[in-house]
Protein backbone atom coordinates (compact mmCIF):
# COMPACT_ATOMS: atom_id res chain seq x y z
CA MET A 1 -15.87 17.74 -17.07
CA ALA A 2 -14.97 15.59 -14.10
CA PRO A 3 -16.89 16.35 -10.89
CA ASN A 4 -14.04 18.18 -9.19
CA GLY A 5 -12.62 21.67 -9.07
CA TRP A 6 -9.01 20.65 -9.07
CA TYR A 7 -8.03 19.25 -12.45
CA SER A 8 -10.81 20.14 -14.94
CA THR A 9 -10.47 16.65 -16.34
CA THR A 10 -12.53 15.79 -19.40
CA THR A 11 -14.30 12.49 -19.91
CA ALA A 12 -12.00 11.74 -22.85
CA GLN A 13 -8.91 12.29 -20.69
CA LEU A 14 -10.20 9.90 -18.03
CA ARG A 15 -11.52 7.21 -20.39
CA PRO A 16 -8.34 5.08 -20.56
CA TYR A 17 -8.07 5.12 -16.77
CA ARG A 18 -11.71 4.25 -16.24
CA ARG A 19 -11.06 1.11 -18.30
CA PHE A 20 -8.34 0.03 -15.86
CA PRO A 21 -9.37 -2.50 -13.23
CA LYS A 22 -8.84 -0.98 -9.81
CA VAL A 23 -8.08 -1.95 -6.23
CA ASP A 24 -8.51 0.70 -3.55
CA LEU A 25 -6.95 -0.24 -0.21
CA HIS A 26 -7.28 3.15 1.47
CA ARG A 27 -10.66 4.88 1.36
CA HIS A 28 -12.42 6.43 4.37
CA LEU A 29 -16.19 6.08 4.54
CA GLU A 30 -16.48 9.45 6.27
CA GLY A 31 -14.70 11.12 3.37
CA SER A 32 -16.87 9.50 0.69
CA LEU A 33 -20.30 11.12 1.18
CA ARG A 34 -22.19 12.47 -1.83
CA LEU A 35 -23.01 16.18 -1.72
CA GLU A 36 -26.60 15.59 -2.84
CA THR A 37 -27.07 13.06 -0.04
CA LEU A 38 -25.92 15.63 2.51
CA LEU A 39 -28.58 18.03 1.24
CA ASP A 40 -31.26 15.34 1.49
CA ILE A 41 -30.24 14.43 5.04
CA ALA A 42 -30.21 18.10 6.04
CA ARG A 43 -33.72 18.60 4.65
CA ILE A 44 -35.14 15.49 6.31
CA HIS A 45 -33.53 16.09 9.70
CA GLY A 46 -33.74 19.86 9.85
CA ILE A 47 -30.01 20.52 9.75
CA THR A 48 -29.43 24.19 8.97
CA LEU A 49 -26.85 24.45 6.20
CA PRO A 50 -25.62 27.01 3.69
CA LEU A 51 -26.53 26.02 0.14
CA GLY A 52 -24.58 25.73 -3.11
CA PRO A 53 -20.93 26.68 -3.14
CA ASP A 54 -20.93 27.57 0.55
CA LEU A 55 -21.87 24.04 1.58
CA ARG A 56 -19.34 22.59 -0.82
CA SER A 57 -16.60 24.69 0.74
CA LEU A 58 -17.40 23.25 4.18
CA VAL A 59 -17.19 19.59 3.18
CA GLN A 60 -14.86 19.53 0.16
CA MET A 61 -11.42 20.94 -0.55
CA GLN A 62 -11.54 24.03 -2.77
CA ALA A 63 -8.91 25.53 -5.05
CA GLY A 64 -8.45 28.49 -2.70
CA ASP A 65 -8.14 26.47 0.52
CA ALA A 66 -4.95 26.45 2.54
CA LEU A 67 -3.18 23.19 1.80
CA THR A 68 -2.73 21.98 5.38
CA PHE A 69 -3.85 18.96 7.34
CA SER A 70 -5.91 21.20 9.66
CA THR A 71 -7.90 22.52 6.69
CA PHE A 72 -8.42 19.00 5.37
CA LEU A 73 -9.52 17.65 8.75
CA SER A 74 -11.94 20.56 9.23
CA LYS A 75 -14.13 19.08 6.50
CA PHE A 76 -14.81 16.05 8.70
CA GLN A 77 -16.15 18.25 11.50
CA MET A 78 -19.11 19.32 9.38
CA LEU A 79 -19.64 15.80 8.01
CA ARG A 80 -20.08 14.43 11.54
CA LEU A 81 -23.39 16.32 11.80
CA PHE A 82 -25.03 13.99 9.29
CA TYR A 83 -24.86 10.55 10.93
CA ARG A 84 -28.38 10.90 12.34
CA THR A 85 -29.95 7.45 12.00
CA PRO A 86 -29.08 3.83 11.25
CA GLU A 87 -30.69 4.36 7.84
CA VAL A 88 -28.37 7.29 7.05
CA ILE A 89 -25.29 5.31 8.03
CA ALA A 90 -26.46 2.40 5.89
CA GLN A 91 -27.19 4.74 2.97
CA VAL A 92 -23.82 6.49 2.95
CA THR A 93 -22.07 3.11 3.20
CA ARG A 94 -24.03 1.78 0.24
CA GLU A 95 -23.41 4.89 -1.86
CA ALA A 96 -19.67 4.87 -1.18
CA ILE A 97 -19.49 1.30 -2.47
CA ALA A 98 -21.71 2.09 -5.46
CA ASP A 99 -19.44 5.00 -6.42
CA ALA A 100 -16.36 2.79 -6.22
CA ALA A 101 -18.00 0.15 -8.39
CA GLU A 102 -18.99 2.76 -10.98
CA ASP A 103 -15.34 3.80 -11.24
CA GLY A 104 -14.26 0.24 -12.00
CA VAL A 105 -12.99 -0.72 -8.55
CA LEU A 106 -12.97 -4.52 -8.27
CA HIS A 107 -11.95 -4.63 -4.61
CA LEU A 108 -12.50 -1.89 -2.03
CA GLU A 109 -11.07 -1.83 1.46
CA MET A 110 -13.02 0.89 3.22
CA ARG A 111 -12.09 2.06 6.67
CA PHE A 112 -14.57 3.71 8.97
CA THR A 113 -14.30 5.30 12.41
CA PRO A 114 -17.02 3.91 14.71
CA VAL A 115 -16.45 6.66 17.29
CA ALA A 116 -17.06 9.39 14.70
CA LEU A 117 -20.30 7.72 13.56
CA THR A 118 -21.66 7.47 17.11
CA ARG A 119 -21.00 10.93 18.50
CA ILE A 120 -23.87 13.03 17.16
CA GLN A 121 -26.59 10.64 18.41
CA ASP A 122 -24.68 8.62 21.02
CA PHE A 123 -25.21 5.31 19.21
CA GLY A 124 -23.51 2.20 20.54
CA LEU A 125 -20.17 1.40 18.93
CA GLY A 126 -21.19 -2.18 18.20
CA GLU A 127 -24.50 -1.06 16.69
CA VAL A 128 -22.77 1.32 14.29
CA MET A 129 -20.28 -1.33 13.22
CA ASP A 130 -23.13 -3.75 12.51
CA TRP A 131 -25.01 -1.18 10.41
CA VAL A 132 -21.94 -0.55 8.27
CA LEU A 133 -21.17 -4.26 7.94
CA GLU A 134 -24.73 -5.18 6.94
CA SER A 135 -25.04 -2.37 4.40
CA ALA A 136 -21.61 -3.13 2.92
CA LYS A 137 -22.44 -6.82 2.53
CA GLN A 138 -25.63 -6.07 0.63
CA ALA A 139 -24.00 -3.38 -1.53
CA SER A 140 -21.13 -5.73 -2.37
CA GLN A 141 -23.62 -8.25 -3.72
CA ASP A 142 -25.74 -5.67 -5.53
CA TYR A 143 -22.86 -3.91 -7.31
CA GLY A 144 -20.61 -6.90 -7.93
CA ILE A 145 -17.66 -5.50 -6.02
CA SER A 146 -15.51 -7.18 -3.39
CA VAL A 147 -15.57 -5.15 -0.13
CA ALA A 148 -13.57 -5.53 3.07
CA LEU A 149 -13.96 -3.19 6.05
CA ILE A 150 -11.34 -1.80 8.40
CA ALA A 151 -12.27 -0.22 11.73
CA SER A 152 -10.27 2.91 12.49
CA VAL A 153 -9.25 4.47 15.81
CA ASN A 154 -7.50 7.78 16.43
CA ARG A 155 -4.20 8.26 18.22
CA ASN A 156 -5.43 11.55 19.70
CA GLU A 157 -8.08 9.60 21.63
CA SER A 158 -7.60 7.24 24.56
CA VAL A 159 -6.09 3.77 24.38
CA GLU A 160 -9.08 2.55 26.40
CA LEU A 161 -11.48 3.71 23.69
CA ALA A 162 -9.31 2.06 21.04
CA GLU A 163 -9.36 -1.16 23.05
CA GLU A 164 -13.17 -1.11 23.08
CA VAL A 165 -13.32 -0.68 19.29
CA ALA A 166 -10.65 -3.34 18.81
CA GLN A 167 -12.54 -5.90 20.88
CA LEU A 168 -15.73 -5.25 18.94
CA ALA A 169 -13.76 -5.57 15.69
CA VAL A 170 -12.29 -8.92 16.72
CA GLU A 171 -15.79 -10.16 17.54
CA ARG A 172 -16.87 -9.26 13.99
CA MET A 173 -14.13 -11.06 12.11
CA GLY A 174 -15.62 -13.28 9.43
CA ARG A 175 -18.45 -10.82 8.78
CA GLY A 176 -16.50 -8.56 6.44
CA LEU A 177 -14.38 -6.77 9.01
CA VAL A 178 -10.76 -7.59 8.29
CA GLY A 179 -8.52 -5.04 9.99
CA LEU A 180 -7.82 -2.24 12.46
CA ASP A 181 -6.35 1.13 11.49
CA LEU A 182 -4.64 3.79 13.59
CA ALA A 183 -5.26 7.28 12.23
CA GLY A 184 -5.31 10.82 13.63
CA ASN A 185 -2.77 13.57 14.15
CA GLU A 186 0.62 11.85 14.05
CA ALA A 187 2.41 15.21 14.24
CA SER A 188 1.24 15.70 17.84
CA PHE A 189 0.41 12.20 19.12
CA SER A 190 2.66 9.15 19.26
CA ALA A 191 1.53 5.71 18.15
CA LEU A 192 3.61 3.99 20.83
CA PRO A 193 0.88 3.94 23.51
CA PHE A 194 -1.14 1.78 21.08
CA ALA A 195 1.66 -0.66 20.23
CA GLY A 196 0.62 -3.40 22.64
CA LEU A 197 -3.01 -3.21 21.52
CA PHE A 198 -2.15 -3.49 17.84
CA ARG A 199 0.17 -6.43 18.40
CA GLU A 200 -2.64 -8.19 20.29
CA VAL A 201 -5.12 -7.40 17.52
CA LYS A 202 -2.76 -8.84 14.95
CA ALA A 203 -2.30 -12.00 17.02
CA SER A 204 -6.09 -12.36 17.12
CA GLY A 205 -6.25 -12.58 13.33
CA LEU A 206 -7.14 -9.04 12.28
CA LYS A 207 -4.83 -7.23 9.89
CA VAL A 208 -3.18 -3.94 10.86
CA THR A 209 -2.61 -0.70 8.96
CA ILE A 210 -1.08 2.41 10.52
CA HIS A 211 -1.20 6.03 9.34
CA ALA A 212 2.46 7.07 9.46
CA GLY A 213 4.95 9.14 7.49
CA GLU A 214 2.26 11.55 6.32
CA TRP A 215 2.17 14.47 8.78
CA GLY A 216 5.09 12.99 10.70
CA GLY A 217 8.51 11.94 9.45
CA ALA A 218 10.18 8.68 8.47
CA ALA A 219 10.71 7.74 12.11
CA ASN A 220 6.97 7.15 12.38
CA VAL A 221 7.13 4.65 9.52
CA LYS A 222 9.91 2.80 11.31
CA GLU A 223 7.83 2.84 14.50
CA ALA A 224 4.79 1.46 12.66
CA ILE A 225 6.84 -1.40 11.21
CA LEU A 226 8.87 -2.36 14.26
CA ALA A 227 6.76 -1.37 17.29
CA LEU A 228 3.22 -1.86 15.95
CA GLU A 229 4.10 -4.67 13.50
CA THR A 230 1.90 -3.15 10.82
CA ASP A 231 0.89 -5.17 7.77
CA ARG A 232 0.62 -1.99 5.65
CA VAL A 233 1.59 1.66 6.05
CA ALA A 234 -1.12 4.22 5.35
CA HIS A 235 0.43 7.01 3.24
CA GLY A 236 4.06 6.72 4.40
CA VAL A 237 5.42 9.04 1.71
CA ARG A 238 7.90 10.70 4.07
CA VAL A 239 9.74 7.40 4.35
CA MET A 240 11.98 8.81 1.60
CA GLU A 241 13.50 11.25 4.13
CA ASP A 242 15.55 8.44 5.73
CA PRO A 243 17.47 5.89 3.61
CA GLU A 244 17.66 3.48 6.56
CA VAL A 245 13.88 3.38 6.91
CA VAL A 246 13.57 2.97 3.13
CA ALA A 247 15.89 -0.03 3.40
CA LEU A 248 13.84 -1.47 6.28
CA ALA A 249 10.55 -1.10 4.40
CA ARG A 250 12.09 -2.53 1.23
CA GLU A 251 13.55 -5.52 3.08
CA ARG A 252 10.23 -6.27 4.82
CA GLN A 253 8.22 -5.48 1.64
CA VAL A 254 5.63 -3.59 3.65
CA PRO A 255 2.95 -2.23 1.30
CA PHE A 256 2.40 1.55 1.27
CA GLU A 257 -1.11 2.92 0.73
CA VAL A 258 -0.26 6.09 -1.22
CA CYS A 259 -2.91 8.76 -1.91
CA ILE A 260 -1.58 11.39 -4.33
CA THR A 261 -4.19 14.15 -4.24
CA SER A 262 -4.70 13.86 -0.49
CA ASN A 263 -0.95 14.20 0.10
CA TYR A 264 -1.00 17.44 -1.89
CA GLN A 265 -4.15 18.87 -0.33
CA THR A 266 -2.88 18.25 3.21
CA GLY A 267 0.44 19.95 2.47
CA VAL A 268 2.56 16.80 2.74
CA VAL A 269 4.03 17.54 -0.69
CA PRO A 270 4.47 21.13 -1.99
CA ALA A 271 3.20 20.34 -5.51
CA LEU A 272 1.61 17.42 -7.31
CA THR A 273 4.69 17.06 -9.49
CA ALA A 274 6.82 16.80 -6.32
CA HIS A 275 5.00 13.70 -5.10
CA PRO A 276 7.52 10.89 -4.36
CA LEU A 277 5.38 8.07 -5.77
CA VAL A 278 7.75 7.25 -8.63
CA LYS A 279 10.85 7.61 -6.44
CA MET A 280 9.30 5.20 -3.95
CA ILE A 281 8.74 2.65 -6.70
CA GLU A 282 12.26 3.15 -8.08
CA ALA A 283 13.64 2.61 -4.55
CA GLY A 284 12.05 -0.85 -4.52
CA LEU A 285 9.25 -0.03 -2.13
CA TYR A 286 5.92 -1.82 -2.31
CA VAL A 287 3.55 0.92 -3.47
CA THR A 288 -0.20 0.97 -4.08
CA ILE A 289 -2.34 3.89 -5.33
CA ASN A 290 -5.54 4.83 -3.48
CA THR A 291 -8.08 7.62 -2.96
CA ASP A 292 -8.19 8.37 0.81
CA ASP A 293 -11.28 10.65 0.83
CA PRO A 294 -12.72 10.91 -2.68
CA SER A 295 -15.59 13.25 -1.83
CA ILE A 296 -13.51 15.66 0.23
CA SER A 297 -10.80 15.66 -2.45
CA GLN A 298 -13.34 15.68 -5.33
CA ILE A 299 -11.59 12.82 -7.12
CA THR A 300 -12.02 9.21 -8.18
CA LEU A 301 -9.40 6.48 -8.36
CA SER A 302 -9.37 7.04 -12.13
CA ASP A 303 -8.22 10.61 -11.41
CA GLU A 304 -5.40 9.28 -9.25
CA TYR A 305 -4.30 6.84 -11.93
CA ARG A 306 -4.28 9.66 -14.49
CA LEU A 307 -2.18 11.85 -12.19
CA ALA A 308 0.30 9.04 -11.64
CA VAL A 309 0.81 8.61 -15.38
CA GLU A 310 0.39 12.09 -16.83
CA ASN A 311 1.76 14.25 -13.99
CA LEU A 312 4.25 11.98 -12.25
CA GLY A 313 5.54 10.01 -15.24
CA LEU A 314 4.45 6.51 -14.30
CA SER A 315 4.24 4.30 -17.38
CA GLN A 316 1.12 2.33 -18.25
CA VAL A 317 3.09 -0.85 -17.57
CA GLN A 318 4.09 0.45 -14.13
CA LEU A 319 0.51 1.44 -13.38
CA ALA A 320 -0.66 -2.06 -14.22
CA ALA A 321 2.02 -3.41 -11.88
CA GLN A 322 0.78 -1.19 -9.06
CA VAL A 323 -2.78 -2.41 -9.55
CA ALA A 324 -1.56 -6.00 -9.37
CA ALA A 325 0.50 -5.14 -6.30
CA ALA A 326 -2.59 -3.72 -4.58
CA ALA A 327 -4.48 -6.96 -5.21
CA GLN A 328 -1.59 -8.89 -3.67
CA ALA A 329 -1.64 -6.60 -0.61
CA ALA A 330 -5.39 -6.97 0.02
CA PHE A 331 -6.53 -8.06 3.47
CA LEU A 332 -8.26 -11.18 2.16
CA PRO A 333 -8.05 -14.90 2.94
CA PRO A 334 -5.69 -16.74 0.56
CA GLU A 335 -8.38 -18.20 -1.72
CA GLU A 336 -10.24 -14.89 -2.06
CA LYS A 337 -6.99 -13.03 -2.64
CA GLN A 338 -5.94 -15.42 -5.39
CA ALA A 339 -9.34 -15.02 -7.06
CA LEU A 340 -8.92 -11.23 -6.93
CA ILE A 341 -5.40 -11.42 -8.37
CA GLU A 342 -6.62 -13.55 -11.27
CA ARG A 343 -9.57 -11.23 -11.88
CA VAL A 344 -7.28 -8.20 -11.93
CA ARG A 345 -4.81 -9.88 -14.29
CA SER A 346 -7.62 -10.83 -16.66
CA ARG A 347 -9.02 -7.28 -16.68
CA LEU A 348 -5.56 -5.81 -17.17
CA GLN A 349 -5.09 -7.93 -20.28
CA LEU A 350 -8.43 -6.72 -21.63
CA SER A 351 -7.69 -3.05 -20.85
CA SER A 352 -4.34 -3.27 -22.64
CA GLY A 353 -5.89 -4.94 -25.67
CA GLU A 354 -3.93 -8.17 -25.30
C-alpha cells in the first residue's frame, strides 16, 4: 500500500505513474519532513511528543480531519518545533530532495520560509538560507536531480520582514536561489502592500510566484498578475470563478501551480472529483501539477498524477503535456531549461514505449 491514509493506493496502481518523468514546481520544504526523522529529532533534542498515530495526527492530514485551511495550517505549527540546529535543517532539506528523486522527479523547485526556520532558535535569516542552499546543492549532486530554491514570505507578516528576506534572496542569486514566493492567508490579508517589493525583486532578476486564487477568489489571481507581475500563480484554481480573469491568464499564458490533494484537504474544492484541473486545461490555461506539502498530505507526485488521470479524467497524452509544460515553466536559465525540456521529452518517450 502507498504510505498514505487517503487513497489506499497499491504499488501496482502507482507503477505506471512512477515511470513518468516528473517536474514539481510547488513543494514546500516545511511540508516535506519524514515522520521517522521527526521522532529522531524529538529523541535527540528532548522534545516531548505523543507517539504513533497521535503524532501522525498532529503533523499529517487524517481521514477524519476537517477539510479547512486552518486545519491544514495547524500541522505546520507542530513542525516548527523541530528546526533545532543547522544539522537538522540540512538533514530535512536533503531528505526532501531524496524523496523527490526516488519518486522520479527530474527537476524540483522547493520553496522554504526562512522566518519559519529561524523562530524556534532565533537563527539569523541569512544563516538559515545558506544552510538550505548548501544542503540542497549537495543533495542535487548526490541524487542526480535538478533543484532550484524559492524563498517564501507570508502576507500576514510585515512588509519590512519580507523586504529583509527579499534582499537576502537577491544576494544569493546564482547559488541555487531563483525566486521569491508570497504565501499565507490570502482570505484575510491582501497582497497589495507587497506589490512594490515584488516588482523590485523581479527587476533584480529573481522570479516571482504568488499564492492566489486558493483561499481567496479570482480577483486575487488578477491582482497577482497585474499588480505583483507574477511569473507563476501558486494554486490559482478559483480563477475559474471569473471568465474575465480566465481570459487574462490565458492571454498572458501565466503558469498555474496546481496541487490536487492539497486543494481538497484545505477545502478549496468540495470533492476530489470536483477539482477544476481539467476545466482549466480545456479553457486554455497553462497548468502544471505539483505536490504542495507531500508529507502533510501523505502523497507523492505519482499519487497526484494518478488522481489526475483516474479520478479527474486526464488522458495519458494530456498528462505528458502537463509534464512538458512544467519543464517549460521552470525558473531556470535558458540553457538549463532547454536541457531539462529535452531530458523530459526523452523520458516521456521511454515511459510511453516509443
